[in-house]
C-alpha atoms as a PDB file:
ATOM      1  CA  MET A   1     -12.296   9.079 -14.676  1.00  0.00           C
ATOM      2  CA  SER A   2      -8.398   9.329 -14.196  1.00  0.00           C
ATOM      3  CA  ALA A   3      -6.398  11.348 -11.987  1.00  0.00           C
ATOM      4  CA  GLU A   4      -5.039  12.905 -15.206  1.00  0.00           C
ATOM      5  CA  ALA A   5      -8.182  13.291 -16.957  1.00  0.00           C
ATOM      6  CA  ARG A   6      -9.628  15.420 -13.724  1.00  0.00           C
ATOM      7  CA  ARG A   7      -6.465  17.277 -13.654  1.00  0.00           C
ATOM      8  CA  GLU A   8      -6.906  18.390 -17.401  1.00  0.00           C
ATOM      9  CA  GLN A   9     -10.937  19.193 -16.397  1.00  0.00           C
ATOM     10  CA  PHE A  10      -9.553  21.407 -13.442  1.00  0.00           C
ATOM     11  CA  ILE A  11      -7.183  23.468 -15.370  1.00  0.00           C
ATOM     12  CA  ALA A  12      -9.886  23.758 -18.006  1.00  0.00           C
ATOM     13  CA  ALA A  13     -11.869  24.810 -15.762  1.00  0.00           C
ATOM     14  CA  ALA A  14      -9.876  27.594 -13.936  1.00  0.00           C
ATOM     15  CA  ILE A  15      -8.858  28.815 -17.128  1.00  0.00           C
ATOM     16  CA  GLU A  16     -12.648  29.563 -18.388  1.00  0.00           C
ATOM     17  CA  VAL A  17     -13.782  30.816 -15.043  1.00  0.00           C
ATOM     18  CA  MET A  18     -10.195  33.148 -14.376  1.00  0.00           C
ATOM     19  CA  SER A  19     -10.859  34.418 -18.242  1.00  0.00           C
ATOM     20  CA  ALA A  20     -14.281  35.143 -17.721  1.00  0.00           C
ATOM     21  CA  ARG A  21     -14.238  36.577 -13.751  1.00  0.00           C
ATOM     22  CA  GLY A  22     -10.944  37.136 -12.944  1.00  0.00           C
ATOM     23  CA  LEU A  23      -8.242  35.493 -10.689  1.00  0.00           C
ATOM     24  CA  GLU A  24      -9.718  36.856  -7.562  1.00  0.00           C
ATOM     25  CA  HIS A  25     -13.060  35.005  -8.428  1.00  0.00           C
ATOM     26  CA  ALA A  26     -11.079  31.834  -9.359  1.00  0.00           C
ATOM     27  CA  THR A  27     -12.515  29.963  -5.884  1.00  0.00           C
ATOM     28  CA  THR A  28     -11.891  26.248  -5.646  1.00  0.00           C
ATOM     29  CA  ARG A  29     -15.716  26.118  -5.258  1.00  0.00           C
ATOM     30  CA  SER A  30     -16.417  28.305  -8.580  1.00  0.00           C
ATOM     31  CA  ILE A  31     -13.724  26.178 -10.314  1.00  0.00           C
ATOM     32  CA  ALA A  32     -14.966  22.531  -9.110  1.00  0.00           C
ATOM     33  CA  THR A  33     -18.830  24.053 -10.460  1.00  0.00           C
ATOM     34  CA  GLN A  34     -17.364  25.253 -13.871  1.00  0.00           C
ATOM     35  CA  ALA A  35     -15.706  21.718 -14.144  1.00  0.00           C
ATOM     36  CA  GLY A  36     -19.037  20.209 -13.110  1.00  0.00           C
ATOM     37  CA  ALA A  37     -17.009  18.111 -10.296  1.00  0.00           C
ATOM     38  CA  PRO A  38     -17.142  17.811  -6.720  1.00  0.00           C
ATOM     39  CA  GLN A  39     -15.134  20.130  -4.901  1.00  0.00           C
ATOM     40  CA  ALA A  40     -13.245  18.448  -2.746  1.00  0.00           C
ATOM     41  CA  ALA A  41     -11.939  16.634  -5.990  1.00  0.00           C
ATOM     42  CA  ILE A  42      -9.891  19.212  -6.629  1.00  0.00           C
ATOM     43  CA  HIS A  43      -7.378  18.635  -3.219  1.00  0.00           C
ATOM     44  CA  TYR A  44      -7.142  15.165  -4.908  1.00  0.00           C
ATOM     45  CA  ALA A  45      -6.087  16.661  -7.812  1.00  0.00           C
ATOM     46  CA  PHE A  46      -3.844  19.517  -6.386  1.00  0.00           C
ATOM     47  CA  ARG A  47      -2.065  19.412  -3.359  1.00  0.00           C
ATOM     48  CA  ALA A  48      -2.563  23.451  -3.446  1.00  0.00           C
ATOM     49  CA  LYS A  49      -3.953  26.391  -5.497  1.00  0.00           C
ATOM     50  CA  ASN A  50      -0.439  27.131  -6.146  1.00  0.00           C
ATOM     51  CA  GLU A  51      -0.031  24.044  -8.072  1.00  0.00           C
ATOM     52  CA  LEU A  52      -3.152  24.919 -10.087  1.00  0.00           C
ATOM     53  CA  LEU A  53      -1.957  27.980 -10.705  1.00  0.00           C
ATOM     54  CA  ALA A  54       1.173  26.493 -11.809  1.00  0.00           C
ATOM     55  CA  ALA A  55      -0.793  23.764 -14.243  1.00  0.00           C
ATOM     56  CA  VAL A  56      -2.843  27.040 -15.822  1.00  0.00           C
ATOM     57  CA  ILE A  57       0.423  28.726 -16.717  1.00  0.00           C
ATOM     58  CA  MET A  58       1.719  25.551 -18.457  1.00  0.00           C
ATOM     59  CA  GLU A  59      -1.285  24.931 -20.177  1.00  0.00           C
ATOM     60  CA  VAL A  60      -1.620  28.533 -21.583  1.00  0.00           C
ATOM     61  CA  GLY A  61       2.036  28.332 -22.816  1.00  0.00           C
ATOM     62  CA  THR A  62       1.029  25.274 -24.483  1.00  0.00           C
ATOM     63  CA  GLN A  63      -1.888  27.042 -26.448  1.00  0.00           C
ATOM     64  CA  VAL A  64       0.483  29.764 -27.290  1.00  0.00           C
ATOM     65  CA  GLU A  65       2.971  27.066 -28.516  1.00  0.00           C
ATOM     66  CA  ARG A  66       0.081  25.369 -30.610  1.00  0.00           C
ATOM     67  CA  VAL A  67      -0.700  29.023 -32.066  1.00  0.00           C
ATOM     68  CA  LEU A  68       2.665  29.856 -32.840  1.00  0.00           C
ATOM     69  CA  ARG A  69       3.196  26.231 -34.250  1.00  0.00           C
ATOM     70  CA  ASP A  70       0.153  26.587 -36.679  1.00  0.00           C
ATOM     71  CA  ALA A  71       1.619  29.851 -37.853  1.00  0.00           C
ATOM     72  CA  VAL A  72       5.100  29.488 -38.207  1.00  0.00           C
ATOM     73  CA  GLN A  73       6.721  27.447 -41.712  1.00  0.00           C
ATOM     74  CA  PRO A  74      10.536  27.246 -40.929  1.00  0.00           C
ATOM     75  CA  GLU A  75      10.748  26.828 -44.626  1.00  0.00           C
ATOM     76  CA  ARG A  76       9.781  30.228 -45.523  1.00  0.00           C
ATOM     77  CA  GLY A  77      12.953  31.697 -43.248  1.00  0.00           C
ATOM     78  CA  LEU A  78      13.457  33.698 -39.996  1.00  0.00           C
ATOM     79  CA  ILE A  79      12.122  36.800 -41.137  1.00  0.00           C
ATOM     80  CA  ALA A  80       8.628  35.024 -42.440  1.00  0.00           C
ATOM     81  CA  ALA A  81       8.785  33.007 -39.112  1.00  0.00           C
ATOM     82  CA  VAL A  82       9.089  36.137 -36.601  1.00  0.00           C
ATOM     83  CA  ARG A  83       6.162  37.891 -38.723  1.00  0.00           C
ATOM     84  CA  ASP A  84       3.535  35.089 -39.139  1.00  0.00           C
ATOM     85  CA  GLY A  85       3.977  33.921 -35.498  1.00  0.00           C
ATOM     86  CA  LEU A  86       3.567  37.619 -34.544  1.00  0.00           C
ATOM     87  CA  ASN A  87       0.885  38.199 -36.592  1.00  0.00           C
ATOM     88  CA  ALA A  88      -0.749  34.837 -35.429  1.00  0.00           C
ATOM     89  CA  TYR A  89       0.155  35.815 -31.596  1.00  0.00           C
ATOM     90  CA  TRP A  90      -1.854  39.205 -31.908  1.00  0.00           C
ATOM     91  CA  ASP A  91      -5.025  37.543 -33.451  1.00  0.00           C
ATOM     92  CA  HIS A  92      -5.054  35.125 -30.441  1.00  0.00           C
ATOM     93  CA  VAL A  93      -4.735  38.131 -28.132  1.00  0.00           C
ATOM     94  CA  VAL A  94      -7.402  40.000 -29.767  1.00  0.00           C
ATOM     95  CA  GLY A  95      -9.577  36.951 -30.055  1.00  0.00           C
ATOM     96  CA  ASP A  96      -9.713  36.520 -26.452  1.00  0.00           C
ATOM     97  CA  ASP A  97      -8.835  39.296 -23.898  1.00  0.00           C
ATOM     98  CA  GLY A  98      -9.882  37.338 -21.165  1.00  0.00           C
ATOM     99  CA  LEU A  99      -7.286  34.674 -21.634  1.00  0.00           C
ATOM    100  CA  GLN A 100      -4.758  37.950 -21.617  1.00  0.00           C
ATOM    101  CA  LEU A 101      -6.341  39.206 -18.586  1.00  0.00           C
ATOM    102  CA  LEU A 102      -5.451  36.219 -16.699  1.00  0.00           C
ATOM    103  CA  GLN A 103      -2.251  35.940 -17.760  1.00  0.00           C
ATOM    104  CA  TYR A 104      -1.533  39.628 -16.513  1.00  0.00           C
ATOM    105  CA  GLU A 105      -3.872  39.113 -13.526  1.00  0.00           C
ATOM    106  CA  LEU A 106      -1.342  35.943 -12.992  1.00  0.00           C
ATOM    107  CA  THR A 107       1.871  37.994 -13.367  1.00  0.00           C
ATOM    108  CA  ILE A 108       0.777  40.695 -11.237  1.00  0.00           C
ATOM    109  CA  PHE A 109      -0.528  38.302  -8.324  1.00  0.00           C
ATOM    110  CA  SER A 110       2.284  36.585  -8.203  1.00  0.00           C
ATOM    111  CA  ARG A 111       4.984  39.136  -8.369  1.00  0.00           C
ATOM    112  CA  ARG A 112       2.858  41.088  -5.160  1.00  0.00           C
ATOM    113  CA  THR A 113       2.268  37.572  -3.183  1.00  0.00           C
ATOM    114  CA  PRO A 114       4.940  36.898  -1.155  1.00  0.00           C
ATOM    115  CA  GLY A 115       6.330  33.339  -1.905  1.00  0.00           C
ATOM    116  CA  TYR A 116       4.711  33.235  -5.259  1.00  0.00           C
ATOM    117  CA  GLU A 117       7.502  35.110  -7.172  1.00  0.00           C
ATOM    118  CA  TRP A 118       8.716  31.833  -8.684  1.00  0.00           C
ATOM    119  CA  LEU A 119       5.357  31.740 -10.356  1.00  0.00           C
ATOM    120  CA  ALA A 120       5.893  34.715 -12.432  1.00  0.00           C
ATOM    121  CA  GLU A 121       9.150  33.491 -13.397  1.00  0.00           C
ATOM    122  CA  ALA A 122       8.050  30.338 -14.602  1.00  0.00           C
ATOM    123  CA  GLN A 123       5.393  31.882 -16.556  1.00  0.00           C
ATOM    124  CA  TYR A 124       7.858  33.967 -18.467  1.00  0.00           C
ATOM    125  CA  ALA A 125      10.362  30.994 -18.429  1.00  0.00           C
ATOM    126  CA  ARG A 126       7.522  29.249 -20.062  1.00  0.00           C
ATOM    127  CA  TYR A 127       7.131  32.070 -22.505  1.00  0.00           C
ATOM    128  CA  VAL A 128      10.930  32.056 -23.527  1.00  0.00           C
ATOM    129  CA  ALA A 129      11.286  28.356 -23.865  1.00  0.00           C
ATOM    130  CA  VAL A 130       7.901  28.556 -26.532  1.00  0.00           C
ATOM    131  CA  VAL A 131       9.287  31.113 -28.542  1.00  0.00           C
ATOM    132  CA  GLU A 132      13.190  29.298 -28.176  1.00  0.00           C
ATOM    133  CA  GLU A 133      11.422  26.167 -29.227  1.00  0.00           C
ATOM    134  CA  VAL A 134       9.088  27.529 -32.245  1.00  0.00           C
END
């Protein structure tokens, strides 16, 4: 398995663990178990846990971008784009409350943990960039 494929595997597993059980249960062991990979492989894919958390934030942003891109039809105009985007995003939120809780937990963790404040800033910068792009 390539290093990039392994990283993607761990990011998906981290999102699954955090969405289902919360950030505090997202240990390297639980993520590796969810990924079906050796625990030591996480340390080859990510230098530190904050690198994995940043990758999770980027992936969640990518998921939001997909939801918006699928919903928005620019030719319908700005008002329809905003309405369609908001409706699709709300359906996404309601459809997976664990994923929403994950996002909130990451923000709270980042804001309350010295040295991780940049992660919350990156998270919301990603959301803003996605909305602006779409």
